[in-house]
């Protein structure tokens, strides 16, 4: 590893961890848990190749539990989804250009 690089170690990697002489434990991380009515936006998510996608945002929703990697941050934390009734509506504004792929 390069000097200054950071990585996440979980039970999925190893059951017990003893840092090497050239490593420093920075801290512990609490798992992020979402129920079926919650969502969050992850800033600078880790890409499939293991490098951070700087400037990108990733929506995570539904029942899940995950650890944020060293480069990742939550935008506005865990949020509750909007449940609309018969007489409810939401006014929504696009933050950037995108194509809406809704059927109908």
Protein backbone atom coordinates (compact mmCIF):
# COMPACT_ATOMS: atom_id res chain seq x y z
CA UNK A 1 0.00 0.00 0.00
CA UNK A 2 1.06 3.58 -0.55
CA UNK A 3 1.89 5.82 2.40
CA UNK A 4 -1.20 7.73 3.50
CA UNK A 5 -3.70 5.33 1.89
CA UNK A 6 -6.67 4.33 4.03
CA UNK A 7 -8.86 1.23 3.90
CA UNK A 8 -11.71 -0.40 5.76
CA UNK A 9 -11.36 -3.70 7.59
CA UNK A 10 -14.54 -5.58 8.57
CA UNK A 11 -15.43 -9.06 9.76
CA UNK A 12 -15.99 -9.95 6.10
CA UNK A 13 -12.24 -9.45 5.61
CA UNK A 14 -10.84 -10.97 8.80
CA UNK A 15 -12.16 -11.99 12.22
CA UNK A 16 -9.42 -10.30 14.27
CA UNK A 17 -6.96 -7.62 13.16
CA UNK A 18 -3.56 -6.66 14.52
CA UNK A 19 -2.12 -3.60 12.76
CA UNK A 20 1.35 -3.98 11.31
CA UNK A 21 4.29 -1.85 12.37
CA UNK A 22 3.74 0.46 9.36
CA UNK A 23 -0.03 0.87 9.96
CA UNK A 24 -2.04 3.10 12.27
CA UNK A 25 -5.66 2.51 13.29
CA UNK A 26 -7.47 5.80 12.66
CA UNK A 27 -10.73 4.90 14.40
CA UNK A 28 -13.75 2.64 14.40
CA UNK A 29 -16.74 3.06 12.11
CA UNK A 30 -20.38 2.41 12.97
CA UNK A 31 -22.43 0.49 10.39
CA UNK A 32 -25.12 2.47 8.54
CA UNK A 33 -28.50 0.70 8.63
CA UNK A 34 -31.48 1.55 6.42
CA UNK A 35 -34.99 0.17 6.90
CA UNK A 36 -37.48 -0.30 4.06
CA UNK A 37 -38.66 3.33 4.34
CA UNK A 38 -35.29 5.06 4.44
CA UNK A 39 -32.66 6.19 1.98
CA UNK A 40 -29.37 8.06 1.87
CA UNK A 41 -27.08 9.69 -0.67
CA UNK A 42 -23.41 8.70 -0.53
CA UNK A 43 -20.91 11.31 -1.70
CA UNK A 44 -17.72 10.20 -3.49
CA UNK A 45 -18.74 6.50 -3.51
CA UNK A 46 -16.20 3.78 -4.06
CA UNK A 47 -16.24 2.52 -7.65
CA UNK A 48 -16.20 -1.12 -8.74
CA UNK A 49 -12.42 -0.89 -9.17
CA UNK A 50 -11.97 0.22 -5.54
CA UNK A 51 -11.15 3.87 -6.28
CA UNK A 52 -13.34 6.79 -5.14
CA UNK A 53 -15.59 8.38 -7.75
CA UNK A 54 -14.93 11.96 -6.68
CA UNK A 55 -17.82 14.35 -7.27
CA UNK A 56 -20.31 11.51 -7.81
CA UNK A 57 -23.39 10.78 -5.73
CA UNK A 58 -25.00 7.37 -5.17
CA UNK A 59 -28.53 6.71 -3.91
CA UNK A 60 -28.87 3.80 -1.49
CA UNK A 61 -32.31 2.74 -0.30
CA UNK A 62 -34.34 -0.03 1.23
CA UNK A 63 -33.38 -2.59 3.81
CA UNK A 64 -29.60 -2.65 3.88
CA UNK A 65 -26.61 -2.27 6.14
CA UNK A 66 -23.20 -1.05 5.01
CA UNK A 67 -20.01 0.59 6.19
CA UNK A 68 -18.89 3.88 4.68
CA UNK A 69 -15.40 3.58 3.20
CA UNK A 70 -12.75 6.18 4.15
CA UNK A 71 -13.50 8.42 1.15
CA UNK A 72 -17.31 8.23 1.43
CA UNK A 73 -19.63 10.61 3.28
CA UNK A 74 -23.39 10.78 3.75
CA UNK A 75 -25.18 13.81 2.33
CA UNK A 76 -27.76 14.87 4.93
CA UNK A 77 -27.52 11.52 6.78
CA UNK A 78 -30.17 8.80 6.67
CA UNK A 79 -33.53 10.18 5.55
CA UNK A 80 -37.09 8.90 5.60
CA UNK A 81 -38.83 8.45 2.26
CA UNK A 82 -41.88 10.53 1.42
CA UNK A 83 -45.12 8.56 1.73
CA UNK A 84 -47.85 10.32 -0.21
CA UNK A 85 -51.54 10.12 0.51
CA UNK A 86 -54.50 10.89 -1.74
CA UNK A 87 -54.27 14.63 -1.08
CA UNK A 88 -50.47 14.97 -0.98
CA UNK A 89 -47.98 16.06 -3.60
CA UNK A 90 -44.31 17.02 -3.81
CA UNK A 91 -42.71 19.84 -5.74
CA UNK A 92 -39.34 18.57 -7.02
CA UNK A 93 -36.47 20.45 -8.70
CA UNK A 94 -33.69 18.81 -10.75
CA UNK A 95 -30.20 19.54 -9.41
CA UNK A 96 -28.60 18.62 -12.75
CA UNK A 97 -29.72 17.32 -16.15
CA UNK A 98 -30.88 13.68 -16.34
CA UNK A 99 -33.24 11.50 -18.34
CA UNK A 100 -36.37 10.29 -16.58
CA UNK A 101 -37.00 6.65 -17.54
CA UNK A 102 -40.50 6.32 -16.08
CA UNK A 103 -42.99 4.24 -18.05
CA UNK A 104 -46.17 6.08 -18.97
